Structures are given as structure tokens and as C-alpha cells.
N, C-alpha and C. Protein backbone atom coordinates (compact mmCIF):
# COMPACT_ATOMS: atom_id res chain seq x y z
N UNK A 1 36.28 15.62 24.16
CA UNK A 1 36.66 16.83 24.84
C UNK A 1 37.89 16.63 25.62
N UNK A 2 38.96 17.54 25.47
CA UNK A 2 40.09 17.41 26.15
C UNK A 2 40.16 17.56 27.63
N UNK A 3 41.03 16.82 28.68
CA UNK A 3 40.92 16.74 29.88
C UNK A 3 40.79 18.32 30.49
N UNK A 4 41.71 19.26 29.88
CA UNK A 4 41.80 20.65 30.51
C UNK A 4 40.40 21.16 30.38
N UNK A 5 39.64 21.29 29.29
CA UNK A 5 38.63 21.90 29.19
C UNK A 5 37.50 21.34 30.07
N UNK A 6 37.39 19.92 30.18
CA UNK A 6 36.54 19.32 31.14
C UNK A 6 36.80 19.64 32.55
N UNK A 7 37.99 19.71 33.08
CA UNK A 7 38.34 20.08 34.35
C UNK A 7 37.75 21.53 34.72
N UNK A 8 37.90 22.41 33.68
CA UNK A 8 37.58 23.80 33.95
C UNK A 8 36.16 24.08 33.99
N UNK A 9 35.36 23.11 33.05
CA UNK A 9 33.85 23.20 33.15
C UNK A 9 33.44 22.65 34.52
N UNK A 10 34.02 21.52 34.99
CA UNK A 10 33.65 21.12 36.34
C UNK A 10 33.94 22.11 37.47
N UNK A 11 35.13 22.61 37.30
CA UNK A 11 35.65 23.60 38.42
C UNK A 11 34.57 24.76 38.45
N UNK A 12 34.25 25.37 37.42
CA UNK A 12 33.23 26.49 37.49
C UNK A 12 31.82 25.90 38.03
N UNK A 13 31.38 24.69 37.36
CA UNK A 13 30.13 24.21 37.91
C UNK A 13 30.17 24.07 39.36
N UNK A 14 31.19 23.26 39.97
CA UNK A 14 31.09 23.02 41.48
C UNK A 14 31.31 24.21 42.24
N UNK A 15 31.99 25.30 41.78
CA UNK A 15 32.00 26.51 42.60
C UNK A 15 30.65 27.15 42.53
N UNK A 16 29.94 27.21 41.37
CA UNK A 16 28.71 27.79 41.34
C UNK A 16 27.47 27.00 41.63
N UNK A 17 27.63 25.71 41.79
CA UNK A 17 26.50 24.78 41.99
C UNK A 17 26.18 24.61 43.32
N UNK A 18 26.97 25.19 44.32
CA UNK A 18 26.49 25.30 45.66
C UNK A 18 25.44 26.35 46.16
N UNK A 19 25.00 27.12 45.00
CA UNK A 19 24.18 28.22 45.39
C UNK A 19 22.71 27.79 45.89
N UNK A 20 22.24 28.26 46.95
CA UNK A 20 21.01 28.01 47.40
C UNK A 20 20.22 29.28 47.73
N UNK A 21 19.17 29.44 46.78
CA UNK A 21 18.36 30.57 46.85
C UNK A 21 17.52 30.72 48.13
N UNK A 22 17.47 29.88 48.88
CA UNK A 22 16.64 29.90 50.21
C UNK A 22 17.36 30.36 51.29
N UNK A 23 18.89 30.65 51.07
CA UNK A 23 19.56 31.18 52.15
C UNK A 23 19.95 32.69 51.68
N UNK A 24 19.52 33.58 52.47
CA UNK A 24 19.69 34.97 52.05
C UNK A 24 21.09 35.46 52.26
N UNK A 25 21.69 35.04 53.42
CA UNK A 25 23.05 35.76 53.71
C UNK A 25 24.21 35.19 52.82
N UNK A 26 24.86 36.15 52.32
CA UNK A 26 26.16 35.88 51.66
C UNK A 26 27.22 35.88 52.58
N UNK A 27 28.22 35.06 52.58
CA UNK A 27 28.56 33.99 51.42
C UNK A 27 27.73 32.62 51.80
N UNK A 28 27.11 32.46 53.08
CA UNK A 28 26.44 31.25 53.30
C UNK A 28 25.58 30.68 52.07
N UNK A 29 25.01 31.37 51.29
CA UNK A 29 24.09 30.81 50.29
C UNK A 29 24.99 30.11 49.05
N UNK A 30 26.36 30.29 49.24
CA UNK A 30 27.04 29.60 48.10
C UNK A 30 27.01 30.28 47.01
N UNK A 31 27.45 29.30 45.85
CA UNK A 31 27.39 30.19 44.44
C UNK A 31 28.79 30.15 43.93
N UNK A 32 28.66 30.92 42.89
CA UNK A 32 30.16 31.26 42.26
C UNK A 32 30.86 32.26 43.02
N UNK A 33 31.67 31.84 44.03
CA UNK A 33 32.39 32.81 44.90
C UNK A 33 33.74 32.46 45.13
N UNK A 34 34.36 31.62 44.28
CA UNK A 34 35.78 31.32 44.38
C UNK A 34 36.17 30.20 45.59
N UNK A 35 35.14 29.93 46.36
CA UNK A 35 35.51 29.26 47.55
C UNK A 35 36.19 27.78 47.29
N UNK A 36 35.99 27.44 45.94
CA UNK A 36 36.65 26.00 45.59
C UNK A 36 38.04 25.93 45.75
N UNK A 37 38.67 27.26 45.82
CA UNK A 37 40.10 27.08 45.88
C UNK A 37 40.66 26.71 47.26
N UNK A 38 39.76 26.66 48.27
CA UNK A 38 40.44 26.23 49.62
C UNK A 38 40.23 24.75 49.78
N UNK A 39 41.23 24.10 50.63
CA UNK A 39 41.34 22.73 50.66
C UNK A 39 40.17 22.16 51.35
N UNK A 40 39.49 22.81 52.39
CA UNK A 40 38.40 22.21 52.86
C UNK A 40 37.17 21.77 51.84
N UNK A 41 36.95 22.71 50.82
CA UNK A 41 36.06 22.48 49.97
C UNK A 41 36.55 21.45 48.81
N UNK A 42 37.68 21.70 48.45
CA UNK A 42 38.37 20.58 47.50
C UNK A 42 38.06 19.16 47.97
N UNK A 43 38.07 19.05 49.37
CA UNK A 43 37.96 17.60 49.88
C UNK A 43 36.51 17.12 49.86
N UNK A 44 35.54 18.06 49.56
CA UNK A 44 34.20 17.53 49.78
C UNK A 44 34.02 16.41 48.75
N UNK A 45 33.05 15.52 49.08
CA UNK A 45 32.82 14.16 48.45
C UNK A 45 32.56 14.59 46.98
N UNK A 46 31.69 15.51 46.77
CA UNK A 46 31.37 15.84 45.20
C UNK A 46 32.35 16.31 44.46
N UNK A 47 33.54 16.85 45.10
CA UNK A 47 34.66 17.20 44.30
C UNK A 47 35.57 16.14 44.03
N UNK A 48 35.44 15.01 44.71
CA UNK A 48 36.27 13.75 44.28
C UNK A 48 36.21 13.39 42.92
N UNK A 49 35.03 13.76 42.26
CA UNK A 49 34.83 13.29 40.75
C UNK A 49 35.90 14.31 39.92
N UNK A 50 36.26 15.49 40.52
CA UNK A 50 37.31 16.18 39.70
C UNK A 50 38.57 15.77 40.01
N UNK A 51 38.91 14.83 40.74
CA UNK A 51 40.22 14.41 41.27
C UNK A 51 40.80 13.21 40.57
N UNK A 52 41.98 13.08 40.50
CA UNK A 52 42.41 11.79 39.93
C UNK A 52 42.57 10.66 41.05
N UNK A 53 42.59 9.47 40.67
CA UNK A 53 42.65 8.33 41.73
C UNK A 53 43.76 8.48 42.76
N UNK A 54 44.69 9.33 42.45
CA UNK A 54 45.86 9.39 43.40
C UNK A 54 45.73 10.51 44.36
N UNK A 55 44.43 10.87 44.63
CA UNK A 55 44.05 11.95 45.54
C UNK A 55 43.27 13.07 44.94
N UNK A 56 43.67 14.36 45.29
CA UNK A 56 42.96 15.30 44.80
C UNK A 56 43.77 16.13 43.76
N UNK A 57 44.72 15.55 43.02
CA UNK A 57 45.58 16.30 42.27
C UNK A 57 44.83 16.75 41.01
N UNK A 58 43.84 16.07 40.47
CA UNK A 58 43.02 16.44 39.30
C UNK A 58 42.63 18.05 39.35
N UNK A 59 41.82 18.21 40.52
CA UNK A 59 41.28 19.48 40.82
C UNK A 59 42.44 20.53 41.14
N UNK A 60 43.41 20.15 41.88
CA UNK A 60 44.43 20.96 42.28
C UNK A 60 45.14 21.39 40.98
N UNK A 61 45.43 20.57 40.00
CA UNK A 61 46.07 20.63 38.84
C UNK A 61 45.23 21.93 37.95
N UNK A 62 43.91 21.62 38.06
CA UNK A 62 43.10 22.57 37.28
C UNK A 62 43.32 23.94 37.83
N UNK A 63 43.22 24.08 39.30
CA UNK A 63 43.52 25.41 39.83
C UNK A 63 44.84 25.89 39.62
N UNK A 64 45.85 25.05 39.68
CA UNK A 64 47.24 25.58 39.34
C UNK A 64 47.49 26.02 38.03
N UNK A 65 46.68 25.75 36.98
CA UNK A 65 46.66 26.08 35.70
C UNK A 65 46.07 27.58 35.45
N UNK A 66 45.25 27.93 36.54
CA UNK A 66 44.76 29.22 36.50
C UNK A 66 45.35 30.23 37.44
N UNK A 67 46.30 29.74 38.33
CA UNK A 67 46.88 30.55 39.19
C UNK A 67 47.93 31.56 38.60
N UNK A 68 48.77 31.38 37.62
CA UNK A 68 49.62 32.31 36.84
C UNK A 68 48.64 33.52 36.29
N UNK A 69 47.49 33.12 35.86
CA UNK A 69 46.57 34.11 35.32
C UNK A 69 46.06 35.02 36.57
N UNK A 70 45.74 34.40 37.59
CA UNK A 70 45.34 35.26 38.79
C UNK A 70 46.41 36.08 39.34
N UNK A 71 47.67 35.50 39.36
CA UNK A 71 48.82 36.35 39.61
C UNK A 71 49.01 37.60 38.95
N UNK A 72 49.03 37.31 37.56
CA UNK A 72 49.19 38.43 36.62
C UNK A 72 47.99 39.44 36.63
N UNK A 73 46.88 38.91 36.87
CA UNK A 73 45.74 39.98 36.89
C UNK A 73 45.05 39.84 38.34
N UNK A 74 45.84 40.33 39.37
CA UNK A 74 45.30 40.18 40.67
C UNK A 74 43.85 40.82 40.97
N UNK A 75 43.55 41.69 40.14
CA UNK A 75 42.18 42.39 40.38
C UNK A 75 40.98 41.51 39.94
N UNK A 76 41.25 40.48 39.24
CA UNK A 76 40.30 39.42 38.84
C UNK A 76 40.01 38.61 40.10
N UNK A 77 38.80 38.34 40.35
CA UNK A 77 38.42 37.39 41.50
C UNK A 77 38.58 35.95 40.90
N UNK A 78 38.72 35.00 41.95
CA UNK A 78 38.88 33.64 41.47
C UNK A 78 37.36 33.34 41.03
N UNK A 79 36.36 33.73 41.66
CA UNK A 79 34.94 33.44 41.12
C UNK A 79 34.79 33.69 39.69
N UNK A 80 35.23 34.95 39.20
CA UNK A 80 35.18 35.34 37.92
C UNK A 80 36.13 34.45 37.00
N UNK A 81 37.37 34.23 37.35
CA UNK A 81 38.28 33.46 36.67
C UNK A 81 37.82 32.09 36.41
N UNK A 82 37.28 31.37 37.51
CA UNK A 82 36.67 30.20 37.40
C UNK A 82 35.70 30.00 36.25
N UNK A 83 34.73 31.06 36.37
CA UNK A 83 33.54 31.12 35.21
C UNK A 83 34.17 31.45 33.80
N UNK A 84 35.10 32.37 33.91
CA UNK A 84 35.76 32.70 32.51
C UNK A 84 36.41 31.41 31.86
N UNK A 85 37.26 30.93 32.76
CA UNK A 85 37.85 29.57 32.35
C UNK A 85 36.92 28.53 31.75
N UNK A 86 35.89 28.28 32.37
CA UNK A 86 34.89 27.30 31.94
C UNK A 86 34.23 27.78 30.60
N UNK A 87 33.87 29.11 30.37
CA UNK A 87 33.35 29.64 29.18
C UNK A 87 34.23 29.60 28.01
N UNK A 88 35.57 29.91 28.31
CA UNK A 88 36.47 29.67 27.28
C UNK A 88 36.77 28.17 26.81
N UNK A 89 36.75 27.27 27.94
CA UNK A 89 36.93 25.81 27.57
C UNK A 89 35.84 25.37 26.80
N UNK A 90 34.63 25.84 27.03
CA UNK A 90 33.45 25.53 26.24
C UNK A 90 33.64 25.88 24.64
N UNK A 91 34.07 27.14 24.72
CA UNK A 91 34.12 27.58 23.20
C UNK A 91 35.32 27.02 22.53
N UNK A 92 36.36 26.78 23.15
CA UNK A 92 37.50 26.09 22.47
C UNK A 92 37.18 24.59 22.26
N UNK A 93 36.19 23.97 22.96
CA UNK A 93 35.85 22.70 22.59
C UNK A 93 34.83 22.54 21.48
N UNK A 94 34.54 23.65 20.87
CA UNK A 94 33.54 23.82 19.69
C UNK A 94 32.14 24.10 20.27
N UNK A 95 31.97 24.36 21.57
CA UNK A 95 30.54 24.73 22.03
C UNK A 95 30.13 26.25 21.86
N UNK A 96 29.10 26.75 22.27
CA UNK A 96 28.77 28.11 22.24
C UNK A 96 29.57 29.14 23.09
N UNK A 97 29.45 30.30 22.55
CA UNK A 97 30.17 31.34 23.20
C UNK A 97 29.11 31.69 24.30
N UNK A 98 29.70 31.75 25.61
CA UNK A 98 28.79 32.03 26.75
C UNK A 98 29.03 33.30 27.41
N UNK A 99 28.22 34.19 27.29
CA UNK A 99 28.33 35.57 27.82
C UNK A 99 28.66 35.56 29.45
N UNK A 100 29.37 36.37 29.88
CA UNK A 100 29.74 36.35 31.40
C UNK A 100 29.51 37.60 31.85
N UNK A 101 28.90 37.81 33.11
CA UNK A 101 28.92 38.99 33.92
C UNK A 101 30.03 38.93 34.91
N UNK A 102 30.73 40.01 34.82
CA UNK A 102 31.81 40.06 35.76
C UNK A 102 31.52 40.88 36.98
N UNK A 103 32.36 40.64 37.95
CA UNK A 103 32.14 41.31 39.23
C UNK A 103 31.79 40.55 40.52
N UNK A 104 31.90 39.20 40.26
CA UNK A 104 31.70 38.33 41.52
C UNK A 104 32.61 38.60 42.57
N UNK A 105 32.18 38.34 43.69
CA UNK A 105 33.02 38.51 44.91
C UNK A 105 33.56 37.23 45.49
N UNK A 106 34.65 37.08 45.83
CA UNK A 106 35.33 35.98 46.46
C UNK A 106 35.02 35.95 47.91
N UNK A 107 34.93 34.62 48.51
CA UNK A 107 34.99 34.53 49.71
C UNK A 107 36.50 34.71 50.17
N UNK A 108 36.74 35.14 51.45
CA UNK A 108 38.18 35.51 51.85
C UNK A 108 38.86 34.52 52.63
N UNK A 109 38.05 33.40 53.17
CA UNK A 109 38.66 32.55 54.14
C UNK A 109 37.89 31.16 54.11
N UNK A 110 38.56 30.17 54.38
CA UNK A 110 37.96 28.71 54.22
C UNK A 110 36.70 28.49 55.19
N UNK A 111 36.61 29.30 56.15
CA UNK A 111 35.31 29.17 57.04
C UNK A 111 34.04 29.68 56.38
N UNK A 112 34.13 30.36 55.28
CA UNK A 112 33.06 30.87 54.30
C UNK A 112 32.68 29.98 53.29
N UNK A 113 33.43 28.78 53.12
CA UNK A 113 32.99 27.87 52.13
C UNK A 113 31.64 27.20 52.55
N UNK A 114 30.89 26.80 51.47
CA UNK A 114 29.57 26.08 51.79
C UNK A 114 29.84 24.83 52.60
N UNK A 115 28.88 24.36 53.26
CA UNK A 115 29.06 23.13 54.01
C UNK A 115 29.02 21.94 52.95
N UNK A 116 29.64 20.72 53.45
CA UNK A 116 29.64 19.50 52.64
C UNK A 116 28.21 19.24 52.33
N UNK A 117 27.87 18.63 51.17
CA UNK A 117 26.69 18.11 50.91
C UNK A 117 25.92 18.97 49.92
N UNK A 118 26.16 20.16 49.44
CA UNK A 118 25.51 21.02 48.58
C UNK A 118 25.33 20.44 47.27
N UNK A 119 26.36 19.72 46.86
CA UNK A 119 26.50 18.92 45.49
C UNK A 119 26.28 17.36 45.72
N UNK A 120 25.65 16.82 44.80
CA UNK A 120 25.66 15.30 45.03
C UNK A 120 27.10 14.88 44.69
N UNK A 121 27.44 13.75 45.33
CA UNK A 121 28.80 13.17 45.00
C UNK A 121 28.83 12.24 43.85
N UNK A 122 29.95 12.10 43.06
CA UNK A 122 30.21 11.31 42.06
C UNK A 122 29.16 11.10 41.06
N UNK A 123 28.74 12.18 40.53
CA UNK A 123 27.77 12.05 39.36
C UNK A 123 28.34 12.66 38.25
N UNK A 124 27.53 12.32 37.05
CA UNK A 124 28.15 13.12 35.97
C UNK A 124 27.59 14.54 35.88
N UNK A 125 28.23 15.49 35.08
CA UNK A 125 27.89 16.68 34.94
C UNK A 125 26.33 16.86 34.73
N UNK A 126 25.77 16.13 33.63
CA UNK A 126 24.46 16.15 33.27
C UNK A 126 23.51 15.78 34.62
N UNK A 127 23.97 14.79 35.28
CA UNK A 127 23.12 14.47 36.48
C UNK A 127 23.05 15.48 37.62
N UNK A 128 24.27 16.11 37.88
CA UNK A 128 24.30 17.11 38.78
C UNK A 128 23.54 18.26 38.46
N UNK A 129 23.41 18.73 37.12
CA UNK A 129 22.67 19.76 36.75
C UNK A 129 21.20 19.62 36.91
N UNK A 130 20.89 18.20 36.37
CA UNK A 130 19.41 17.94 36.52
C UNK A 130 18.91 17.86 38.00
N UNK A 131 19.78 17.31 38.95
CA UNK A 131 19.44 17.27 40.25
C UNK A 131 19.31 18.56 40.86
N UNK A 132 20.08 19.51 40.59
CA UNK A 132 20.01 20.99 41.05
C UNK A 132 18.84 21.62 40.55
N UNK A 133 18.36 21.46 39.25
CA UNK A 133 17.20 22.05 38.82
C UNK A 133 15.93 21.41 39.63
N UNK A 134 16.04 20.17 39.83
CA UNK A 134 15.00 19.76 40.55
C UNK A 134 14.73 20.14 42.07
N UNK A 135 15.88 20.51 42.81
CA UNK A 135 15.72 21.13 43.99
C UNK A 135 15.60 22.53 43.86
N UNK A 136 15.51 23.30 42.57
CA UNK A 136 15.41 24.77 42.30
C UNK A 136 16.21 25.54 43.31
N UNK A 137 17.40 25.25 43.37
CA UNK A 137 18.32 26.06 44.25
C UNK A 137 18.99 27.19 43.47
N UNK A 138 18.86 27.28 42.35
CA UNK A 138 19.30 28.48 41.43
C UNK A 138 18.28 29.03 40.37
């Protein structure tokens, strides 16, 4: 798999993977809400796996690739854009076509980002998904 699709898959997973069904209040419950665009969340330990060794440029570059699309289609939320990019990357890499439901709401400020620790740090995508299923957070 090429680096771009992998980063888009990870970007979407890390944005959505913070969801916790046991928290009722939005945006505190996390999930696909576009919060990963804020520096405070980019710097979470679990997101270091999305980064290059020279800092957080890997994740930042993935976000930069999507920004022109967001600028052109300002009515599209970051949450929807991250999930769309992931589904497109999956399909372009030879995977299945993933149906998407649009209409996700973005958090509006860094203070609405989920707290550090919702995702395990430095695991493979398969390990992250497996751990989240065990916790039954979504």
C-alpha cells in the first residue's frame, strides 16, 4: 500500500477511534468529529505512529493534502472529509468500496478534543481495532 492511502486510513481511524459510547455528551464522547486537525490532538502519543521520525510531519502532511479540498468545498466538514479520504484510499488500494454516511459535525475548537489516552500508543492498525473492540467503545 502506498504511503498516502495508509496515512489517510490512519487519519480517519484515529479521528473516529476516540469514540466512547459510555459518554453521552457530545463532543466529549469523541468519535469522527474532525478534532484531529488540532495540534493538541496531533501531539497525542497514539498519533505519533502517524508521524515521521522528524516530528509530526507525517500526520501534518496528510492533513495538508486534504486542506485544498476543504478550502474548495467549505461546506464539507473535516470529519466527513477524513472518512471520505480513508474510504477512497481503501478503494484505490484495491480494497472494498466503503459506504459513507455524511453529515458529521466538526468540533470547533481545540478544547473540544478528546483527552490523551483514548487510543493506544504505537500499535498497528489491526492491534488498535482489536483493542477498541475488546473495550466495546463503539
